[in-house]
Amino acid sequence: MKIWLDGGLQDIGTARVSVLDHGLTVGDGIFETVKTAGGRTFALTRHLDRLTRSARGLGLPDPDLDEVRRGCAAVLEANPMALGRLRITYTGGHGPLGSDRGEDGPTLVIALGATTRRPDSTAVITVPWTRNERGALTGLKTTSYAENVVALDRAHRQGASEALFANTVGQLCEGTGSNVFVVLDGEIHTPPLASGCLAGITRALAAEWTGAQETDLPLDVLERADEVFLTSTLRDVQAVHRIDGRELPGAPGPVTAKAMRIFQERSGDDLDP
């Protein structure tokens, strides 16, 4: 396996990042996950735009997107696989043992791992912890992911693949690595970005292609929604058949099934929408 590290391809067994890298010591970093199929990326331009927005939000220098594109192409060529997860990680680089940044500049790592197609439906749980819609990291895709690790572990222990958060005012927000949509009386709704959710790439495309509305939604909407589905880079559009103890028989329902078909068709027609 070959990865891209700071300007070139390296063997994964010998590639090294400093143990004092700020991404490791204090979570001072950002990342993107890009779906690949047959060596080709999906929506790479949108992902790189968000990488830049996250860097600016965290106060990091803008990433060199030409280098990122070169690195992505090199990693894909060096590691052929049918379906992959391309991970772009960009950190504050070597730094002191504290919150102050060092002077050596950022670290860029691009790696690729194999993945498989997700099932058409899944189970989710809600968790008691909240997203802070007013936090310094709100809307940024950072490597400070421990909160998601804890919530996802709880989901797995309860036979689910995702955990959903409310925000601090009790509104439905997002999953650990996904956005959430609900169907009410045949209409598709998803929480607005003001809820604190990440501006998901798949979320934006699914909303645009299906006509979904951004709506402030209480968390208990999950107890009465006709259908619920998740979106993410590796899930695409995925129906939910169980939320906590509530079963949603027949998932994917008709609205979700249509959204799945639309997304599959539109994403197949344009690899960089």
C-alpha atoms as a PDB file:
ATOM      1  CA  MET A   1       0.000   0.000   0.000  1.00  0.00           C
ATOM      2  CA  LYS A   2       1.269   3.450  -0.965  1.00  0.00           C
ATOM      3  CA  ILE A   3       0.236   6.730   0.670  1.00  0.00           C
ATOM      4  CA  TRP A   4       0.974  10.354  -0.144  1.00  0.00           C
ATOM      5  CA  LEU A   5       2.875  12.172   2.594  1.00  0.00           C
ATOM      6  CA  ASP A   6       4.110  15.743   2.273  1.00  0.00           C
ATOM      7  CA  GLY A   7       4.831  15.786  -1.434  1.00  0.00           C
ATOM      8  CA  GLY A   8       5.342  12.204  -2.551  1.00  0.00           C
ATOM      9  CA  LEU A   9       4.331   8.564  -2.440  1.00  0.00           C
ATOM     10  CA  GLN A  10       5.661   6.451   0.414  1.00  0.00           C
ATOM     11  CA  ASP A  11       5.209   2.860   1.530  1.00  0.00           C
ATOM     12  CA  ILE A  12       2.647   2.694   4.298  1.00  0.00           C
ATOM     13  CA  GLY A  13       4.969   0.516   6.364  1.00  0.00           C
ATOM     14  CA  THR A  14       7.746   3.088   6.465  1.00  0.00           C
ATOM     15  CA  ALA A  15       5.907   6.433   6.184  1.00  0.00           C
ATOM     16  CA  ARG A  16       6.317   8.508   9.324  1.00  0.00           C
ATOM     17  CA  VAL A  17       4.588  11.527  10.862  1.00  0.00           C
ATOM     18  CA  SER A  18       6.092  13.155  13.949  1.00  0.00           C
ATOM     19  CA  VAL A  19       4.737  11.986  17.305  1.00  0.00           C
ATOM     20  CA  LEU A  20       4.506  15.710  18.076  1.00  0.00           C
ATOM     21  CA  ASP A  21       2.260  16.452  15.093  1.00  0.00           C
ATOM     22  CA  HIS A  22      -0.507  18.774  16.266  1.00  0.00           C
ATOM     23  CA  GLY A  23      -3.102  16.525  14.640  1.00  0.00           C
ATOM     24  CA  LEU A  24      -2.066  13.795  17.078  1.00  0.00           C
ATOM     25  CA  THR A  25      -1.387  15.784  20.234  1.00  0.00           C
ATOM     26  CA  VAL A  26      -4.367  18.172  20.215  1.00  0.00           C
ATOM     27  CA  GLY A  27      -6.583  17.180  17.274  1.00  0.00           C
ATOM     28  CA  ASP A  28      -5.510  20.247  15.288  1.00  0.00           C
ATOM     29  CA  GLY A  29      -6.408  19.011  11.841  1.00  0.00           C
ATOM     30  CA  ILE A  30      -9.076  18.563   9.209  1.00  0.00           C
ATOM     31  CA  PHE A  31      -9.957  15.817   6.774  1.00  0.00           C
ATOM     32  CA  GLU A  32     -12.127  14.721   3.877  1.00  0.00           C
ATOM     33  CA  THR A  33     -13.345  11.278   2.882  1.00  0.00           C
ATOM     34  CA  VAL A  34     -13.906  10.824  -0.847  1.00  0.00           C
ATOM     35  CA  LYS A  35     -15.629   7.862  -2.482  1.00  0.00           C
ATOM     36  CA  THR A  36     -13.724   6.207  -5.315  1.00  0.00           C
ATOM     37  CA  ALA A  37     -14.937   3.662  -7.843  1.00  0.00           C
ATOM     38  CA  GLY A  38     -12.639   2.012 -10.341  1.00  0.00           C
ATOM     39  CA  GLY A  39      -9.909   4.515  -9.589  1.00  0.00           C
ATOM     40  CA  ARG A  40     -12.108   7.580 -10.103  1.00  0.00           C
ATOM     41  CA  THR A  41     -13.219  10.027  -7.410  1.00  0.00           C
ATOM     42  CA  PHE A  42     -16.729  11.339  -6.839  1.00  0.00           C
ATOM     43  CA  ALA A  43     -17.400  15.038  -6.130  1.00  0.00           C
ATOM     44  CA  LEU A  44     -13.716  15.763  -5.527  1.00  0.00           C
ATOM     45  CA  THR A  45     -14.049  19.481  -6.252  1.00  0.00           C
ATOM     46  CA  ARG A  46     -16.761  19.881  -3.621  1.00  0.00           C
ATOM     47  CA  HIS A  47     -14.639  17.974  -1.104  1.00  0.00           C
ATOM     48  CA  LEU A  48     -11.604  20.161  -1.779  1.00  0.00           C
ATOM     49  CA  ASP A  49     -13.704  23.307  -1.449  1.00  0.00           C
ATOM     50  CA  ARG A  50     -14.844  22.104   1.969  1.00  0.00           C
ATOM     51  CA  LEU A  51     -11.276  21.162   2.919  1.00  0.00           C
ATOM     52  CA  THR A  52     -10.283  24.781   2.285  1.00  0.00           C
ATOM     53  CA  ARG A  53     -13.271  26.117   4.258  1.00  0.00           C
ATOM     54  CA  SER A  54     -12.383  23.863   7.185  1.00  0.00           C
ATOM     55  CA  ALA A  55      -8.728  24.946   7.064  1.00  0.00           C
ATOM     56  CA  ARG A  56      -9.735  28.611   7.183  1.00  0.00           C
ATOM     57  CA  GLY A  57     -12.182  27.947  10.005  1.00  0.00           C
ATOM     58  CA  LEU A  58      -9.443  26.268  12.022  1.00  0.00           C
ATOM     59  CA  GLY A  59      -6.888  28.972  11.187  1.00  0.00           C
ATOM     60  CA  LEU A  60      -4.660  26.698   9.109  1.00  0.00           C
ATOM     61  CA  PRO A  61      -3.009  27.852   5.861  1.00  0.00           C
ATOM     62  CA  ASP A  62      -5.025  27.087   2.753  1.00  0.00           C
ATOM     63  CA  PRO A  63      -4.066  23.625   1.477  1.00  0.00           C
ATOM     64  CA  ASP A  64      -2.279  23.479  -1.878  1.00  0.00           C
ATOM     65  CA  LEU A  65      -5.149  21.973  -3.866  1.00  0.00           C
ATOM     66  CA  ASP A  66      -2.930  21.243  -6.865  1.00  0.00           C
ATOM     67  CA  GLU A  67      -0.762  19.064  -4.627  1.00  0.00           C
ATOM     68  CA  VAL A  68      -3.831  17.450  -3.097  1.00  0.00           C
ATOM     69  CA  ARG A  69      -5.127  16.554  -6.553  1.00  0.00           C
ATOM     70  CA  ARG A  70      -1.712  15.181  -7.568  1.00  0.00           C
ATOM     71  CA  GLY A  71      -1.587  13.151  -4.391  1.00  0.00           C
ATOM     72  CA  CYS A  72      -5.075  11.757  -4.891  1.00  0.00           C
ATOM     73  CA  ALA A  73      -4.272  10.731  -8.470  1.00  0.00           C
ATOM     74  CA  ALA A  74      -0.977   9.120  -7.447  1.00  0.00           C
ATOM     75  CA  VAL A  75      -2.524   7.168  -4.568  1.00  0.00           C
ATOM     76  CA  LEU A  76      -5.369   5.932  -6.756  1.00  0.00           C
ATOM     77  CA  GLU A  77      -2.957   4.805  -9.464  1.00  0.00           C
ATOM     78  CA  ALA A  78      -0.708   3.046  -6.955  1.00  0.00           C
ATOM     79  CA  ASN A  79      -3.523   1.225  -5.161  1.00  0.00           C
ATOM     80  CA  PRO A  80      -6.087  -0.092  -7.679  1.00  0.00           C
ATOM     81  CA  MET A  81      -9.361  -1.236  -6.113  1.00  0.00           C
ATOM     82  CA  ALA A  82     -13.006  -1.484  -7.122  1.00  0.00           C
ATOM     83  CA  LEU A  83     -14.525   0.664  -4.367  1.00  0.00           C
ATOM     84  CA  GLY A  84     -12.458   2.803  -2.052  1.00  0.00           C
ATOM     85  CA  ARG A  85     -12.385   5.352   0.756  1.00  0.00           C
ATOM     86  CA  LEU A  86      -9.867   8.090  -0.073  1.00  0.00           C
ATOM     87  CA  ARG A  87      -8.864   9.949   3.081  1.00  0.00           C
ATOM     88  CA  ILE A  88      -7.251  13.399   2.880  1.00  0.00           C
ATOM     89  CA  THR A  89      -5.829  14.525   6.240  1.00  0.00           C
ATOM     90  CA  TYR A  90      -4.329  17.978   6.770  1.00  0.00           C
ATOM     91  CA  THR A  91      -2.966  18.951  10.175  1.00  0.00           C
ATOM     92  CA  GLY A  92      -1.197  21.790  11.929  1.00  0.00           C
ATOM     93  CA  GLY A  93       2.081  19.867  11.619  1.00  0.00           C
ATOM     94  CA  HIS A  94       4.895  19.448  14.143  1.00  0.00           C
ATOM     95  CA  GLY A  95       4.183  21.530  17.215  1.00  0.00           C
ATOM     96  CA  PRO A  96       4.726  21.943  20.940  1.00  0.00           C
ATOM     97  CA  LEU A  97       2.978  19.892  23.619  1.00  0.00           C
ATOM     98  CA  GLY A  98       0.153  22.375  23.969  1.00  0.00           C
ATOM     99  CA  SER A  99      -2.340  24.383  21.973  1.00  0.00           C
ATOM    100  CA  ASP A 100       0.204  26.763  20.420  1.00  0.00           C
ATOM    101  CA  ARG A 101       1.159  25.858  16.855  1.00  0.00           C
ATOM    102  CA  GLY A 102       4.713  25.267  15.679  1.00  0.00           C
ATOM    103  CA  GLU A 103       6.515  26.901  12.770  1.00  0.00           C
ATOM    104  CA  ASP A 104       7.153  23.882  10.536  1.00  0.00           C
ATOM    105  CA  GLY A 105       3.955  24.102   8.499  1.00  0.00           C
ATOM    106  CA  PRO A 106       1.104  21.666   7.914  1.00  0.00           C
ATOM    107  CA  THR A 107       1.203  17.924   7.326  1.00  0.00           C
ATOM    108  CA  LEU A 108      -0.674  16.396   4.384  1.00  0.00           C
ATOM    109  CA  VAL A 109      -1.496  12.702   4.236  1.00  0.00           C
ATOM    110  CA  ILE A 110      -3.577  10.992   1.541  1.00  0.00           C
ATOM    111  CA  ALA A 111      -4.437   7.328   1.957  1.00  0.00           C
ATOM    112  CA  LEU A 112      -6.815   4.852   0.352  1.00  0.00           C
ATOM    113  CA  GLY A 113      -8.636   1.894   1.841  1.00  0.00           C
ATOM    114  CA  ALA A 114     -11.045  -0.608   0.353  1.00  0.00           C
ATOM    115  CA  THR A 115     -14.711  -0.443   1.278  1.00  0.00           C
ATOM    116  CA  THR A 116     -17.913  -2.263   0.367  1.00  0.00           C
ATOM    117  CA  ARG A 117     -21.355  -1.132  -0.731  1.00  0.00           C
ATOM    118  CA  ARG A 118     -23.638  -0.323   2.221  1.00  0.00           C
ATOM    119  CA  PRO A 119     -26.942  -2.181   2.803  1.00  0.00           C
ATOM    120  CA  ASP A 120     -30.084  -0.454   1.543  1.00  0.00           C
ATOM    121  CA  SER A 121     -31.268   0.127   5.121  1.00  0.00           C
ATOM    122  CA  THR A 122     -29.799   0.307   8.585  1.00  0.00           C
ATOM    123  CA  ALA A 123     -30.600   0.798  12.278  1.00  0.00           C
ATOM    124  CA  VAL A 124     -29.749   3.970  14.218  1.00  0.00           C
ATOM    125  CA  ILE A 125     -29.967   5.144  17.809  1.00  0.00           C
ATOM    126  CA  THR A 126     -30.237   8.538  19.439  1.00  0.00           C
ATOM    127  CA  VAL A 127     -27.699   9.534  22.069  1.00  0.00           C
ATOM    128  CA  PRO A 128     -27.991  11.824  25.113  1.00  0.00           C
ATOM    129  CA  TRP A 129     -25.043  14.025  24.119  1.00  0.00           C
ATOM    130  CA  THR A 130     -25.555  17.164  22.048  1.00  0.00           C
ATOM    131  CA  ARG A 131     -23.933  19.021  19.203  1.00  0.00           C
ATOM    132  CA  ASN A 132     -22.997  22.610  20.016  1.00  0.00           C
ATOM    133  CA  GLU A 133     -24.440  24.683  17.186  1.00  0.00           C
ATOM    134  CA  ARG A 134     -22.418  27.707  18.380  1.00  0.00           C
ATOM    135  CA  GLY A 135     -19.039  26.072  18.958  1.00  0.00           C
ATOM    136  CA  ALA A 136     -15.723  27.117  17.422  1.00  0.00           C
ATOM    137  CA  LEU A 137     -15.606  23.918  15.349  1.00  0.00           C
ATOM    138  CA  THR A 138     -19.249  23.899  14.250  1.00  0.00           C
ATOM    139  CA  GLY A 139     -19.524  23.125  10.556  1.00  0.00           C
ATOM    140  CA  LEU A 140     -15.846  22.180  10.227  1.00  0.00           C
ATOM    141  CA  LYS A 141     -14.732  18.649   9.368  1.00  0.00           C
ATOM    142  CA  THR A 142     -11.941  18.322  11.914  1.00  0.00           C
ATOM    143  CA  THR A 143      -9.938  15.422  13.279  1.00  0.00           C
ATOM    144  CA  SER A 144     -11.360  16.151  16.753  1.00  0.00           C
ATOM    145  CA  TYR A 145     -13.583  13.089  16.421  1.00  0.00           C
ATOM    146  CA  ALA A 146     -13.520  11.470  19.865  1.00  0.00           C
ATOM    147  CA  GLU A 147     -17.135  12.476  20.550  1.00  0.00           C
ATOM    148  CA  ASN A 148     -18.166  10.602  17.424  1.00  0.00           C
ATOM    149  CA  VAL A 149     -16.099   7.579  18.412  1.00  0.00           C
ATOM    150  CA  VAL A 150     -17.900   7.349  21.760  1.00  0.00           C
ATOM    151  CA  ALA A 151     -21.361   7.748  20.201  1.00  0.00           C
ATOM    152  CA  LEU A 152     -20.684   5.291  17.382  1.00  0.00           C
ATOM    153  CA  ASP A 153     -19.389   2.706  19.847  1.00  0.00           C
ATOM    154  CA  ARG A 154     -22.670   2.976  21.745  1.00  0.00           C
ATOM    155  CA  ALA A 155     -24.567   2.499  18.469  1.00  0.00           C
ATOM    156  CA  HIS A 156     -22.593  -0.606  17.591  1.00  0.00           C
ATOM    157  CA  ARG A 157     -23.209  -2.094  21.038  1.00  0.00           C
ATOM    158  CA  GLN A 158     -26.937  -1.637  20.415  1.00  0.00           C
ATOM    159  CA  GLY A 159     -26.893  -3.273  16.993  1.00  0.00           C
ATOM    160  CA  ALA A 160     -26.971  -0.018  15.017  1.00  0.00           C
ATOM    161  CA  SER A 161     -24.607   1.524  12.476  1.00  0.00           C
ATOM    162  CA  GLU A 162     -25.109   5.181  13.372  1.00  0.00           C
ATOM    163  CA  ALA A 163     -25.916   7.487  16.286  1.00  0.00           C
ATOM    164  CA  LEU A 164     -27.959  10.679  15.910  1.00  0.00           C
ATOM    165  CA  PHE A 165     -27.459  13.868  17.914  1.00  0.00           C
ATOM    166  CA  ALA A 166     -29.724  16.727  18.858  1.00  0.00           C
ATOM    167  CA  ASN A 167     -28.206  20.177  19.315  1.00  0.00           C
ATOM    168  CA  THR A 168     -28.217  22.203  22.532  1.00  0.00           C
ATOM    169  CA  VAL A 169     -31.798  23.447  21.980  1.00  0.00           C
ATOM    170  CA  GLY A 170     -33.238  19.987  21.331  1.00  0.00           C
ATOM    171  CA  GLN A 171     -33.372  20.098  17.539  1.00  0.00           C
ATOM    172  CA  LEU A 172     -32.417  17.166  15.348  1.00  0.00           C
ATOM    173  CA  CYS A 173     -28.881  17.774  14.076  1.00  0.00           C
ATOM    174  CA  GLU A 174     -26.837  14.960  12.476  1.00  0.00           C
ATOM    175  CA  GLY A 175     -25.145  11.606  12.900  1.00  0.00           C
ATOM    176  CA  THR A 176     -21.540  10.860  13.819  1.00  0.00           C
ATOM    177  CA  GLY A 177     -20.619  10.775  10.140  1.00  0.00           C
ATOM    178  CA  SER A 178     -23.859  11.374   8.296  1.00  0.00           C
ATOM    179  CA  ASN A 179     -26.686  13.808   7.720  1.00  0.00           C
ATOM    180  CA  VAL A 180     -30.287  12.868   8.417  1.00  0.00           C
ATOM    181  CA  PHE A 181     -33.474  13.384   6.394  1.00  0.00           C
ATOM    182  CA  VAL A 182     -37.074  12.708   7.438  1.00  0.00           C
ATOM    183  CA  VAL A 183     -40.231  12.291   5.364  1.00  0.00           C
ATOM    184  CA  LEU A 184     -43.382  13.966   6.698  1.00  0.00           C
ATOM    185  CA  ASP A 185     -46.611  13.718   4.685  1.00  0.00           C
ATOM    186  CA  GLY A 186     -44.645  12.864   1.566  1.00  0.00           C
ATOM    187  CA  GLU A 187     -42.238  15.824   1.877  1.00  0.00           C
ATOM    188  CA  ILE A 188     -38.515  15.475   2.568  1.00  0.00           C
ATOM    189  CA  HIS A 189     -36.955  17.612   5.307  1.00  0.00           C
ATOM    190  CA  THR A 190     -33.417  17.914   6.663  1.00  0.00           C
ATOM    191  CA  PRO A 191     -31.982  20.088   9.470  1.00  0.00           C
ATOM    192  CA  PRO A 192     -30.513  23.431   8.296  1.00  0.00           C
ATOM    193  CA  LEU A 193     -26.821  24.188   8.693  1.00  0.00           C
ATOM    194  CA  ALA A 194     -27.764  26.550  11.541  1.00  0.00           C
ATOM    195  CA  SER A 195     -28.623  23.432  13.563  1.00  0.00           C
ATOM    196  CA  GLY A 196     -24.882  22.771  13.835  1.00  0.00           C
ATOM    197  CA  CYS A 197     -24.722  19.916  11.337  1.00  0.00           C
ATOM    198  CA  LEU A 198     -21.873  19.485   8.888  1.00  0.00           C
ATOM    199  CA  ALA A 199     -22.496  20.730   5.352  1.00  0.00           C
ATOM    200  CA  GLY A 200     -22.338  17.229   3.936  1.00  0.00           C
ATOM    201  CA  ILE A 201     -21.426  16.839   0.283  1.00  0.00           C
ATOM    202  CA  THR A 202     -23.984  14.072  -0.237  1.00  0.00           C
ATOM    203  CA  ARG A 203     -26.489  16.036   1.852  1.00  0.00           C
ATOM    204  CA  ALA A 204     -26.254  19.013  -0.489  1.00  0.00           C
ATOM    205  CA  LEU A 205     -26.569  16.910  -3.635  1.00  0.00           C
ATOM    206  CA  ALA A 206     -29.453  14.826  -2.264  1.00  0.00           C
ATOM    207  CA  ALA A 207     -31.318  17.960  -1.168  1.00  0.00           C
ATOM    208  CA  GLU A 208     -30.786  19.617  -4.544  1.00  0.00           C
ATOM    209  CA  TRP A 209     -31.779  16.556  -6.565  1.00  0.00           C
ATOM    210  CA  THR A 210     -34.850  15.615  -4.494  1.00  0.00           C
ATOM    211  CA  GLY A 211     -36.158  19.073  -3.567  1.00  0.00           C
ATOM    212  CA  ALA A 212     -35.751  18.466   0.166  1.00  0.00           C
ATOM    213  CA  GLN A 213     -36.519  21.390   2.468  1.00  0.00           C
ATOM    214  CA  GLU A 214     -34.258  22.681   5.239  1.00  0.00           C
ATOM    215  CA  THR A 215     -36.434  22.714   8.355  1.00  0.00           C
ATOM    216  CA  ASP A 216     -35.876  23.144  12.084  1.00  0.00           C
ATOM    217  CA  LEU A 217     -36.969  19.776  13.473  1.00  0.00           C
ATOM    218  CA  PRO A 218     -37.348  18.666  17.094  1.00  0.00           C
ATOM    219  CA  LEU A 219     -35.518  15.456  17.961  1.00  0.00           C
ATOM    220  CA  ASP A 220     -38.835  13.708  18.597  1.00  0.00           C
ATOM    221  CA  VAL A 221     -39.682  14.039  14.903  1.00  0.00           C
ATOM    222  CA  LEU A 222     -37.936  10.676  14.674  1.00  0.00           C
ATOM    223  CA  GLU A 223     -40.835   9.175  16.644  1.00  0.00           C
ATOM    224  CA  ARG A 224     -43.409  10.188  14.042  1.00  0.00           C
ATOM    225  CA  ALA A 225     -41.612  10.540  10.693  1.00  0.00           C
ATOM    226  CA  ASP A 226     -43.047   8.341   7.945  1.00  0.00           C
ATOM    227  CA  GLU A 227     -39.565   7.583   6.642  1.00  0.00           C
ATOM    228  CA  VAL A 228     -36.016   8.422   7.686  1.00  0.00           C
ATOM    229  CA  PHE A 229     -32.827   8.188   5.687  1.00  0.00           C
ATOM    230  CA  LEU A 230     -29.152   9.029   6.056  1.00  0.00           C
ATOM    231  CA  THR A 231     -26.699  10.516   3.596  1.00  0.00           C
ATOM    232  CA  SER A 232     -22.907  10.415   3.570  1.00  0.00           C
ATOM    233  CA  THR A 233     -20.026   9.902   1.200  1.00  0.00           C
ATOM    234  CA  LEU A 234     -19.927   6.144   1.685  1.00  0.00           C
ATOM    235  CA  ARG A 235     -23.626   5.563   2.404  1.00  0.00           C
ATOM    236  CA  ASP A 236     -24.953   7.667  -0.490  1.00  0.00           C
ATOM    237  CA  VAL A 237     -28.683   7.575   0.435  1.00  0.00           C
ATOM    238  CA  GLN A 238     -29.477   4.859   2.975  1.00  0.00           C
ATOM    239  CA  ALA A 239     -32.877   4.098   4.495  1.00  0.00           C
ATOM    240  CA  VAL A 240     -33.397   3.640   8.239  1.00  0.00           C
ATOM    241  CA  HIS A 241     -35.472   0.644   9.348  1.00  0.00           C
ATOM    242  CA  ARG A 242     -35.099   1.099  13.126  1.00  0.00           C
ATOM    243  CA  ILE A 243     -34.620   4.112  15.397  1.00  0.00           C
ATOM    244  CA  ASP A 244     -33.960   3.124  19.003  1.00  0.00           C
ATOM    245  CA  GLY A 245     -36.925   0.802  19.680  1.00  0.00           C
ATOM    246  CA  ARG A 246     -39.099   2.046  16.832  1.00  0.00           C
ATOM    247  CA  GLU A 247     -39.347  -0.133  13.734  1.00  0.00           C
ATOM    248  CA  LEU A 248     -40.026   1.409  10.329  1.00  0.00           C
ATOM    249  CA  PRO A 249     -41.351  -1.590   8.394  1.00  0.00           C
ATOM    250  CA  GLY A 250     -40.880  -1.714   4.669  1.00  0.00           C
ATOM    251  CA  ALA A 251     -37.800   0.497   4.609  1.00  0.00           C
ATOM    252  CA  PRO A 252     -36.824   1.894   2.215  1.00  0.00           C
ATOM    253  CA  GLY A 253     -40.229   3.505   1.877  1.00  0.00           C
ATOM    254  CA  PRO A 254     -41.422   4.929  -1.436  1.00  0.00           C
ATOM    255  CA  VAL A 255     -40.015   8.443  -0.968  1.00  0.00           C
ATOM    256  CA  THR A 256     -36.652   7.147   0.211  1.00  0.00           C
ATOM    257  CA  ALA A 257     -36.509   4.566  -2.564  1.00  0.00           C
ATOM    258  CA  LYS A 258     -37.090   7.328  -5.111  1.00  0.00           C
ATOM    259  CA  ALA A 259     -34.357   9.441  -3.510  1.00  0.00           C
ATOM    260  CA  MET A 260     -31.986   6.477  -3.704  1.00  0.00           C
ATOM    261  CA  ARG A 261     -32.729   5.985  -7.404  1.00  0.00           C
ATOM    262  CA  ILE A 262     -32.325   9.679  -8.175  1.00  0.00           C
ATOM    263  CA  PHE A 263     -29.005   9.864  -6.371  1.00  0.00           C
ATOM    264  CA  GLN A 264     -27.672   6.755  -8.075  1.00  0.00           C
ATOM    265  CA  GLU A 265     -28.659   8.018 -11.508  1.00  0.00           C
ATOM    266  CA  ARG A 266     -27.459  11.603 -11.077  1.00  0.00           C
ATOM    267  CA  SER A 267     -24.155  10.655  -9.435  1.00  0.00           C
ATOM    268  CA  GLY A 268     -23.519   8.122 -12.190  1.00  0.00           C
ATOM    269  CA  ASP A 269     -24.032  10.764 -14.854  1.00  0.00           C
ATOM    270  CA  ASP A 270     -21.572  13.275 -13.361  1.00  0.00           C
ATOM    271  CA  LEU A 271     -18.577  12.258 -11.233  1.00  0.00           C
ATOM    272  CA  ASP A 272     -17.768  15.845 -10.218  1.00  0.00           C
ATOM    273  CA  PRO A 273     -21.128  17.598  -9.812  1.00  0.00           C
END
